[in-house]
C-alpha atoms as a PDB file:
ATOM      1  CA  MET A   1      -0.052   0.032   0.014  1.00  0.00           C
ATOM      2  CA  SER A   2       1.380   3.439  -0.904  1.00  0.00           C
ATOM      3  CA  ALA A   3       1.631   6.272   1.551  1.00  0.00           C
ATOM      4  CA  THR A   4      -0.983   8.213  -0.512  1.00  0.00           C
ATOM      5  CA  ASN A   5      -3.506   5.424  -0.796  1.00  0.00           C
ATOM      6  CA  THR A   6      -4.701   4.417   2.607  1.00  0.00           C
ATOM      7  CA  HIS A   7      -8.020   2.898   1.388  1.00  0.00           C
ATOM      8  CA  VAL A   8     -10.075   5.279   3.474  1.00  0.00           C
ATOM      9  CA  PRO A   9     -13.497   5.601   1.846  1.00  0.00           C
ATOM     10  CA  LEU A  10     -14.637   9.098   0.978  1.00  0.00           C
ATOM     11  CA  THR A  11     -18.078  10.216   1.842  1.00  0.00           C
ATOM     12  CA  GLU A  12     -20.346  11.116  -1.004  1.00  0.00           C
ATOM     13  CA  ARG A  13     -19.884  14.813  -0.138  1.00  0.00           C
ATOM     14  CA  LYS A  14     -17.004  16.334  -1.776  1.00  0.00           C
ATOM     15  CA  LEU A  15     -14.341  17.397   0.719  1.00  0.00           C
ATOM     16  CA  THR A  16     -13.865  20.786  -0.972  1.00  0.00           C
ATOM     17  CA  GLU A  17     -17.538  21.743  -0.718  1.00  0.00           C
ATOM     18  CA  ASN A  18     -18.399  24.187   2.128  1.00  0.00           C
ATOM     19  CA  PRO A  19     -16.062  23.081   4.979  1.00  0.00           C
ATOM     20  CA  GLN A  20     -18.314  25.021   7.444  1.00  0.00           C
ATOM     21  CA  ASP A  21     -21.128  22.477   6.594  1.00  0.00           C
ATOM     22  CA  CYS A  22     -19.030  19.420   7.561  1.00  0.00           C
ATOM     23  CA  PRO A  23     -20.860  16.840   9.795  1.00  0.00           C
ATOM     24  CA  VAL A  24     -17.509  15.386  11.057  1.00  0.00           C
ATOM     25  CA  ARG A  25     -16.446  18.785  12.150  1.00  0.00           C
ATOM     26  CA  GLU A  26     -19.613  19.336  14.033  1.00  0.00           C
ATOM     27  CA  VAL A  27     -19.317  15.977  15.879  1.00  0.00           C
ATOM     28  CA  LEU A  28     -15.707  16.618  16.606  1.00  0.00           C
ATOM     29  CA  ASP A  29     -16.388  20.041  17.999  1.00  0.00           C
ATOM     30  CA  ARG A  30     -18.652  18.406  20.540  1.00  0.00           C
ATOM     31  CA  VAL A  31     -16.697  15.327  21.450  1.00  0.00           C
ATOM     32  CA  GLY A  32     -13.298  16.882  20.932  1.00  0.00           C
ATOM     33  CA  ASP A  33     -13.590  19.218  23.857  1.00  0.00           C
ATOM     34  CA  LYS A  34     -12.056  18.522  27.149  1.00  0.00           C
ATOM     35  CA  TRP A  35     -14.916  17.260  29.097  1.00  0.00           C
ATOM     36  CA  SER A  36     -17.768  15.845  26.873  1.00  0.00           C
ATOM     37  CA  VAL A  37     -16.133  12.389  26.296  1.00  0.00           C
ATOM     38  CA  LEU A  38     -15.779  11.909  29.984  1.00  0.00           C
ATOM     39  CA  ILE A  39     -19.301  12.860  30.678  1.00  0.00           C
ATOM     40  CA  ILE A  40     -20.604  10.658  27.879  1.00  0.00           C
ATOM     41  CA  VAL A  41     -18.681   7.651  28.974  1.00  0.00           C
ATOM     42  CA  MET A  42     -19.767   8.161  32.628  1.00  0.00           C
ATOM     43  CA  LEU A  43     -23.426   8.484  31.511  1.00  0.00           C
ATOM     44  CA  GLY A  44     -22.913   5.309  29.357  1.00  0.00           C
ATOM     45  CA  GLN A  45     -22.401   3.499  32.585  1.00  0.00           C
ATOM     46  CA  ARG A  46     -25.717   4.655  34.234  1.00  0.00           C
ATOM     47  CA  THR A  47     -27.703   7.844  34.964  1.00  0.00           C
ATOM     48  CA  HIS A  48     -25.952  10.381  37.141  1.00  0.00           C
ATOM     49  CA  ARG A  49     -27.097  13.272  39.217  1.00  0.00           C
ATOM     50  CA  TYR A  50     -25.370  16.591  38.565  1.00  0.00           C
ATOM     51  CA  SER A  51     -23.614  16.427  42.031  1.00  0.00           C
ATOM     52  CA  GLU A  52     -22.200  12.944  41.175  1.00  0.00           C
ATOM     53  CA  LEU A  53     -20.693  14.209  37.907  1.00  0.00           C
ATOM     54  CA  ASP A  54     -19.294  17.201  39.625  1.00  0.00           C
ATOM     55  CA  ARG A  55     -17.605  15.042  42.244  1.00  0.00           C
ATOM     56  CA  ALA A  56     -16.420  12.433  39.866  1.00  0.00           C
ATOM     57  CA  ILE A  57     -14.800  14.668  37.145  1.00  0.00           C
ATOM     58  CA  ASP A  58     -11.622  16.021  38.616  1.00  0.00           C
ATOM     59  CA  GLY A  59     -10.757  19.505  37.581  1.00  0.00           C
ATOM     60  CA  ILE A  60     -14.007  20.549  35.982  1.00  0.00           C
ATOM     61  CA  SER A  61     -15.655  23.717  37.278  1.00  0.00           C
ATOM     62  CA  GLN A  62     -19.352  23.896  37.960  1.00  0.00           C
ATOM     63  CA  ARG A  63     -19.699  26.371  35.202  1.00  0.00           C
ATOM     64  CA  MET A  64     -17.897  24.150  32.699  1.00  0.00           C
ATOM     65  CA  LEU A  65     -19.956  21.163  33.732  1.00  0.00           C
ATOM     66  CA  THR A  66     -23.179  23.089  33.415  1.00  0.00           C
ATOM     67  CA  LEU A  67     -22.117  24.499  29.963  1.00  0.00           C
ATOM     68  CA  THR A  68     -21.030  21.043  28.730  1.00  0.00           C
ATOM     69  CA  LEU A  69     -24.159  19.302  29.864  1.00  0.00           C
ATOM     70  CA  ARG A  70     -26.268  22.024  28.221  1.00  0.00           C
ATOM     71  CA  ALA A  71     -24.468  21.473  24.924  1.00  0.00           C
ATOM     72  CA  LEU A  72     -24.901  17.756  25.092  1.00  0.00           C
ATOM     73  CA  VAL A  73     -28.647  18.119  25.799  1.00  0.00           C
ATOM     74  CA  ARG A  74     -28.888  20.571  22.937  1.00  0.00           C
ATOM     75  CA  ASP A  75     -27.294  18.132  20.578  1.00  0.00           C
ATOM     76  CA  GLY A  76     -29.665  15.292  21.679  1.00  0.00           C
ATOM     77  CA  LEU A  77     -26.934  13.177  23.328  1.00  0.00           C
ATOM     78  CA  VAL A  78     -28.010  13.618  26.958  1.00  0.00           C
ATOM     79  CA  GLU A  79     -31.494  13.967  28.419  1.00  0.00           C
ATOM     80  CA  ARG A  80     -31.937  16.170  31.566  1.00  0.00           C
ATOM     81  CA  THR A  81     -34.678  15.240  33.991  1.00  0.00           C
ATOM     82  CA  VAL A  82     -35.718  17.592  36.876  1.00  0.00           C
ATOM     83  CA  HIS A  83     -37.480  15.881  39.708  1.00  0.00           C
ATOM     84  CA  ALA A  84     -39.855  18.027  41.829  1.00  0.00           C
ATOM     85  CA  SER A  85     -38.348  17.588  45.093  1.00  0.00           C
ATOM     86  CA  VAL A  86     -36.798  19.907  47.781  1.00  0.00           C
ATOM     87  CA  PRO A  87     -34.016  20.484  47.041  1.00  0.00           C
ATOM     88  CA  PRO A  88     -34.594  19.851  43.356  1.00  0.00           C
ATOM     89  CA  ARG A  89     -32.869  16.701  41.870  1.00  0.00           C
ATOM     90  CA  VAL A  90     -31.495  16.790  38.385  1.00  0.00           C
ATOM     91  CA  ASP A  91     -30.530  13.499  36.537  1.00  0.00           C
ATOM     92  CA  TYR A  92     -28.647  13.083  33.327  1.00  0.00           C
ATOM     93  CA  THR A  93     -28.848  10.097  31.233  1.00  0.00           C
ATOM     94  CA  LEU A  94     -27.645   9.188  27.664  1.00  0.00           C
ATOM     95  CA  THR A  95     -30.341   9.287  24.922  1.00  0.00           C
ATOM     96  CA  GLY A  96     -30.430   6.548  22.276  1.00  0.00           C
ATOM     97  CA  LEU A  97     -28.434   8.787  20.045  1.00  0.00           C
ATOM     98  CA  GLY A  98     -25.892   9.277  22.855  1.00  0.00           C
ATOM     99  CA  HIS A  99     -25.573   5.520  23.204  1.00  0.00           C
ATOM    100  CA  THR A 100     -24.631   5.105  19.602  1.00  0.00           C
ATOM    101  CA  LEU A 101     -21.706   7.268  20.252  1.00  0.00           C
ATOM    102  CA  LEU A 102     -20.278   5.026  22.942  1.00  0.00           C
ATOM    103  CA  GLU A 103     -18.966   2.404  20.481  1.00  0.00           C
ATOM    104  CA  PRO A 104     -16.650   4.817  18.499  1.00  0.00           C
ATOM    105  CA  LEU A 105     -15.632   6.546  21.598  1.00  0.00           C
ATOM    106  CA  THR A 106     -14.715   3.126  23.260  1.00  0.00           C
ATOM    107  CA  ALA A 107     -12.827   2.205  20.054  1.00  0.00           C
ATOM    108  CA  LEU A 108     -10.854   5.570  20.181  1.00  0.00           C
ATOM    109  CA  ASP A 109     -10.127   4.987  23.893  1.00  0.00           C
ATOM    110  CA  ARG A 110      -8.842   1.398  23.071  1.00  0.00           C
ATOM    111  CA  TRP A 111      -6.684   2.789  20.257  1.00  0.00           C
ATOM    112  CA  ALA A 112      -5.257   5.512  22.448  1.00  0.00           C
ATOM    113  CA  ASN A 113      -4.411   3.222  25.258  1.00  0.00           C
ATOM    114  CA  ASP A 114      -2.861   0.563  22.818  1.00  0.00           C
ATOM    115  CA  HIS A 115      -0.624   3.241  21.101  1.00  0.00           C
ATOM    116  CA  ARG A 116       0.065   5.690  23.890  1.00  0.00           C
ATOM    117  CA  ASP A 117       3.657   4.491  24.223  1.00  0.00           C
ATOM    118  CA  ASP A 118       4.140   4.586  20.497  1.00  0.00           C
ATOM    119  CA  ILE A 119       3.110   8.158  20.344  1.00  0.00           C
ATOM    120  CA  ARG A 120       5.139   9.174  23.305  1.00  0.00           C
ATOM    121  CA  ALA A 121       8.204   7.536  21.702  1.00  0.00           C
ATOM    122  CA  ALA A 122       7.491   9.225  18.395  1.00  0.00           C
ATOM    123  CA  ARG A 123       7.368  12.530  20.185  1.00  0.00           C
ATOM    124  CA  GLU A 124      10.617  11.991  21.954  1.00  0.00           C
ATOM    125  CA  ARG A 125      12.307  11.068  18.683  1.00  0.00           C
ATOM    126  CA  HIS A 126      10.940  14.127  17.029  1.00  0.00           C
ATOM    127  CA  ASP A 127      11.843  16.458  19.868  1.00  0.00           C
ATOM    128  CA  ARG A 128      15.299  15.100  20.354  1.00  0.00           C
ATOM    129  CA  PRO A 129      18.020  17.544  19.167  1.00  0.00           C
ATOM    130  CA  GLU A 130      19.820  16.023  16.112  1.00  0.00           C
ATOM    131  CA  GLN A 131      23.157  14.671  16.674  1.00  0.00           C
ATOM    132  CA  GLY A 132      26.064  15.652  14.391  1.00  0.00           C
END
C-alpha cells in the first residue's frame, strides 16, 4: 500500500464543498472538547445526578460542567430530568443517540491506550536534538 492510498472511503460529499457544513467537524467540535467524552462515558455506565458528575470529574468547574451538559442536551446526546423535590434533583442520562456514540468513543479509547507508548516514543524522537 502506498503512503498516499490508505483505502479510507470518502463520503459522497466532496471534501472541498463548504467546509463549514461538515458533519464530522460538528461532531468533533462536541466530542473533541476536554469534558464531553468523560461525561458521555460516565453516562454510558448509568444515569448520574449533577452532583455525582461534579464530584467524579476531577478538575471541572461547575460552570464548565453546566455548559457542557447543556451542549450535550442541545445536541440530543443527553437527557436532563428535573425531579420536583426539595432540594430539586436533576438527573442526566444518555439518549439513544448518545448511546450510539459509545462504540466509536470506546474504540478511540482502546486505540489511544494501545498506542500511547508509540506516540510518546515518536514525540521523543521528533523533539530530540539532532546529533552531528
